[in-house]
Amino acid sequence: MAMGPGFIVVTDLADLERMELDCVPHVTRLMDRFVAGGVNKVVRVIPDPDKDIGFNLLSMTHYRGRIPVVTYRTREEAEAALT
């Protein structure tokens, strides 16, 4: 399914315990596809900032400050921000 320009990506990492480095190429490929497809905003749920696992660094590289990225500690906060 293709999205039109202006869509929002929601990444819910609330239940994430760990992520292997082998995932990085897949995550970065998705980030690049989001940009190419016209993503307007990225919303993340990361309850523990220490478990960011490099998403902020990857975002700086792949979104280059063009795409706003907002991180919330709970799903409820993220959901409220989307409505």
N, C-alpha and C. Protein backbone atom coordinates (compact mmCIF):
# COMPACT_ATOMS: atom_id res chain seq x y z
N MET A 1 0.84 -1.17 0.00
CA MET A 1 0.00 0.00 0.00
C MET A 1 0.89 1.24 0.00
N ALA A 2 0.66 2.14 -0.91
CA ALA A 2 1.45 3.36 -1.01
C ALA A 2 0.74 4.49 -0.26
N MET A 3 1.54 5.30 0.39
CA MET A 3 1.01 6.47 1.11
C MET A 3 1.29 7.70 0.27
N GLY A 4 0.43 8.68 0.39
CA GLY A 4 0.67 9.93 -0.30
C GLY A 4 1.50 10.86 0.57
N PRO A 5 2.02 11.92 0.00
CA PRO A 5 2.81 12.87 0.77
C PRO A 5 2.03 13.43 1.97
N GLY A 6 2.74 13.68 3.05
CA GLY A 6 2.13 14.26 4.23
C GLY A 6 1.75 13.26 5.30
N PHE A 7 2.15 12.02 5.17
CA PHE A 7 1.78 11.01 6.15
C PHE A 7 2.67 11.09 7.40
N ILE A 8 2.19 10.49 8.48
CA ILE A 8 2.91 10.45 9.76
C ILE A 8 3.31 9.01 10.05
N VAL A 9 4.54 8.80 10.44
CA VAL A 9 5.02 7.48 10.84
C VAL A 9 4.99 7.42 12.37
N VAL A 10 4.37 6.37 12.90
CA VAL A 10 4.35 6.15 14.35
C VAL A 10 5.15 4.89 14.62
N THR A 11 6.17 5.02 15.47
CA THR A 11 7.02 3.90 15.85
C THR A 11 6.84 3.67 17.34
N ASP A 12 6.29 2.53 17.68
CA ASP A 12 6.02 2.20 19.07
C ASP A 12 7.06 1.20 19.56
N LEU A 13 8.01 1.68 20.35
CA LEU A 13 9.08 0.83 20.88
C LEU A 13 8.87 0.55 22.37
N ALA A 14 7.65 0.68 22.83
CA ALA A 14 7.35 0.52 24.25
C ALA A 14 7.71 -0.86 24.77
N ASP A 15 7.57 -1.88 23.96
CA ASP A 15 7.84 -3.24 24.41
C ASP A 15 9.20 -3.76 23.96
N LEU A 16 9.99 -2.91 23.35
CA LEU A 16 11.30 -3.33 22.86
C LEU A 16 12.27 -3.57 24.01
N GLU A 17 12.86 -4.72 24.03
CA GLU A 17 13.87 -5.05 25.04
C GLU A 17 15.27 -4.84 24.51
N ARG A 18 15.50 -5.26 23.26
CA ARG A 18 16.81 -5.08 22.63
C ARG A 18 16.66 -5.18 21.13
N MET A 19 17.64 -4.64 20.44
CA MET A 19 17.64 -4.69 18.98
C MET A 19 19.07 -4.98 18.53
N GLU A 20 19.21 -5.89 17.62
CA GLU A 20 20.52 -6.27 17.11
C GLU A 20 21.01 -5.25 16.08
N LEU A 21 22.31 -5.11 15.95
CA LEU A 21 22.88 -4.20 14.96
C LEU A 21 22.52 -4.59 13.53
N ASP A 22 22.21 -5.85 13.32
CA ASP A 22 21.81 -6.30 11.98
C ASP A 22 20.56 -5.60 11.48
N CYS A 23 19.81 -4.98 12.38
CA CYS A 23 18.57 -4.28 12.00
C CYS A 23 18.84 -2.92 11.37
N VAL A 24 20.00 -2.36 11.61
CA VAL A 24 20.29 -0.99 11.17
C VAL A 24 20.07 -0.79 9.68
N PRO A 25 20.57 -1.65 8.81
CA PRO A 25 20.33 -1.41 7.37
C PRO A 25 18.84 -1.40 7.02
N HIS A 26 18.06 -2.24 7.68
CA HIS A 26 16.62 -2.28 7.40
C HIS A 26 15.93 -1.01 7.89
N VAL A 27 16.31 -0.55 9.07
CA VAL A 27 15.72 0.67 9.63
C VAL A 27 16.08 1.87 8.77
N THR A 28 17.34 1.97 8.37
CA THR A 28 17.76 3.12 7.57
C THR A 28 17.11 3.10 6.19
N ARG A 29 16.91 1.92 5.63
CA ARG A 29 16.24 1.81 4.33
C ARG A 29 14.79 2.29 4.46
N LEU A 30 14.14 1.93 5.56
CA LEU A 30 12.77 2.42 5.80
C LEU A 30 12.74 3.93 5.94
N MET A 31 13.69 4.48 6.70
CA MET A 31 13.75 5.94 6.88
C MET A 31 13.89 6.64 5.54
N ASP A 32 14.76 6.12 4.69
CA ASP A 32 14.95 6.72 3.37
C ASP A 32 13.68 6.61 2.51
N ARG A 33 12.97 5.50 2.64
CA ARG A 33 11.71 5.34 1.89
C ARG A 33 10.65 6.30 2.41
N PHE A 34 10.63 6.51 3.72
CA PHE A 34 9.67 7.48 4.29
C PHE A 34 9.92 8.86 3.71
N VAL A 35 11.20 9.26 3.66
CA VAL A 35 11.54 10.58 3.11
C VAL A 35 11.13 10.66 1.64
N ALA A 36 11.47 9.65 0.88
CA ALA A 36 11.13 9.64 -0.55
C ALA A 36 9.62 9.66 -0.76
N GLY A 37 8.88 9.07 0.16
CA GLY A 37 7.43 9.02 0.03
C GLY A 37 6.71 10.26 0.52
N GLY A 38 7.44 11.17 1.17
CA GLY A 38 6.83 12.43 1.60
C GLY A 38 6.35 12.46 3.04
N VAL A 39 7.04 11.71 3.92
CA VAL A 39 6.65 11.73 5.33
C VAL A 39 6.66 13.16 5.85
N ASN A 40 5.67 13.47 6.68
CA ASN A 40 5.52 14.81 7.22
C ASN A 40 6.02 14.91 8.67
N LYS A 41 5.97 13.78 9.40
CA LYS A 41 6.33 13.79 10.81
C LYS A 41 6.57 12.36 11.26
N VAL A 42 7.46 12.20 12.25
CA VAL A 42 7.72 10.90 12.86
C VAL A 42 7.42 11.02 14.34
N VAL A 43 6.58 10.11 14.83
CA VAL A 43 6.22 10.06 16.25
C VAL A 43 6.74 8.75 16.80
N ARG A 44 7.47 8.82 17.90
CA ARG A 44 8.02 7.62 18.52
C ARG A 44 7.53 7.48 19.95
N VAL A 45 7.33 6.24 20.37
CA VAL A 45 7.04 5.93 21.76
C VAL A 45 8.24 5.16 22.29
N ILE A 46 8.98 5.80 23.18
CA ILE A 46 10.15 5.19 23.81
C ILE A 46 10.08 5.54 25.30
N PRO A 47 9.56 4.61 26.12
CA PRO A 47 9.38 4.91 27.55
C PRO A 47 10.68 5.23 28.29
N ASP A 48 11.75 4.56 27.93
CA ASP A 48 13.03 4.75 28.60
C ASP A 48 14.00 5.38 27.61
N PRO A 49 14.35 6.66 27.79
CA PRO A 49 15.25 7.33 26.85
C PRO A 49 16.60 6.61 26.67
N ASP A 50 17.00 5.82 27.66
CA ASP A 50 18.25 5.07 27.53
C ASP A 50 18.14 3.93 26.51
N LYS A 51 16.92 3.61 26.10
CA LYS A 51 16.71 2.56 25.11
C LYS A 51 16.48 3.14 23.72
N ASP A 52 16.92 4.36 23.50
CA ASP A 52 16.75 4.99 22.19
C ASP A 52 17.45 4.17 21.11
N ILE A 53 18.47 3.43 21.44
CA ILE A 53 19.23 2.54 20.55
C ILE A 53 19.68 3.20 19.25
N GLY A 54 19.92 4.48 19.28
CA GLY A 54 20.49 5.16 18.12
C GLY A 54 19.50 5.77 17.14
N PHE A 55 18.21 5.75 17.45
CA PHE A 55 17.25 6.32 16.53
C PHE A 55 17.46 7.82 16.33
N ASN A 56 17.84 8.53 17.38
CA ASN A 56 18.09 9.97 17.22
C ASN A 56 19.24 10.22 16.25
N LEU A 57 20.31 9.46 16.38
CA LEU A 57 21.45 9.61 15.47
C LEU A 57 21.06 9.24 14.04
N LEU A 58 20.36 8.14 13.88
CA LEU A 58 19.91 7.74 12.54
C LEU A 58 18.98 8.80 11.93
N SER A 59 18.13 9.39 12.76
CA SER A 59 17.21 10.42 12.28
C SER A 59 17.97 11.63 11.77
N MET A 60 19.01 12.04 12.50
CA MET A 60 19.80 13.19 12.05
C MET A 60 20.42 12.92 10.70
N THR A 61 20.87 11.70 10.49
CA THR A 61 21.53 11.35 9.24
C THR A 61 20.54 11.21 8.08
N HIS A 62 19.41 10.56 8.34
CA HIS A 62 18.50 10.24 7.24
C HIS A 62 17.40 11.27 7.03
N TYR A 63 17.00 11.96 8.08
CA TYR A 63 15.97 12.99 7.92
C TYR A 63 16.58 14.37 7.78
N ARG A 64 17.83 14.52 8.18
CA ARG A 64 18.61 15.76 8.02
C ARG A 64 17.88 17.02 8.46
N GLY A 65 17.12 16.90 9.54
CA GLY A 65 16.43 18.06 10.08
C GLY A 65 15.23 18.52 9.29
N ARG A 66 14.89 17.82 8.22
CA ARG A 66 13.75 18.20 7.38
C ARG A 66 12.44 17.63 7.90
N ILE A 67 12.52 16.57 8.67
CA ILE A 67 11.33 15.89 9.16
C ILE A 67 11.27 16.03 10.67
N PRO A 68 10.21 16.60 11.23
CA PRO A 68 10.12 16.69 12.69
C PRO A 68 9.95 15.30 13.30
N VAL A 69 10.71 15.05 14.35
CA VAL A 69 10.64 13.79 15.07
C VAL A 69 10.31 14.12 16.52
N VAL A 70 9.23 13.53 17.03
CA VAL A 70 8.79 13.77 18.40
C VAL A 70 8.75 12.44 19.13
N THR A 71 9.33 12.41 20.32
CA THR A 71 9.35 11.18 21.11
C THR A 71 8.54 11.37 22.39
N TYR A 72 7.69 10.39 22.66
CA TYR A 72 6.87 10.39 23.87
C TYR A 72 7.20 9.17 24.71
N ARG A 73 6.94 9.28 26.00
CA ARG A 73 7.21 8.17 26.91
C ARG A 73 6.08 7.14 26.95
N THR A 74 4.86 7.55 26.60
CA THR A 74 3.74 6.62 26.65
C THR A 74 2.95 6.65 25.35
N ARG A 75 2.24 5.57 25.11
CA ARG A 75 1.36 5.50 23.94
C ARG A 75 0.25 6.53 24.05
N GLU A 76 -0.23 6.73 25.27
CA GLU A 76 -1.32 7.68 25.48
C GLU A 76 -0.89 9.11 25.11
N GLU A 77 0.34 9.48 25.49
CA GLU A 77 0.85 10.81 25.13
C GLU A 77 0.95 10.95 23.62
N ALA A 78 1.46 9.93 22.97
CA ALA A 78 1.60 9.97 21.51
C ALA A 78 0.24 10.06 20.84
N GLU A 79 -0.69 9.25 21.31
CA GLU A 79 -2.04 9.26 20.74
C GLU A 79 -2.71 10.62 20.91
N ALA A 80 -2.55 11.21 22.09
CA ALA A 80 -3.14 12.53 22.33
C ALA A 80 -2.54 13.58 21.41
N ALA A 81 -1.24 13.47 21.12
CA ALA A 81 -0.59 14.43 20.24
C ALA A 81 -1.04 14.27 18.80
N LEU A 82 -1.50 13.11 18.44
CA LEU A 82 -1.93 12.85 17.06
C LEU A 82 -3.36 13.28 16.79
N THR A 83 -4.13 13.52 17.85
CA THR A 83 -5.52 13.88 17.65
C THR A 83 -5.72 15.37 17.76
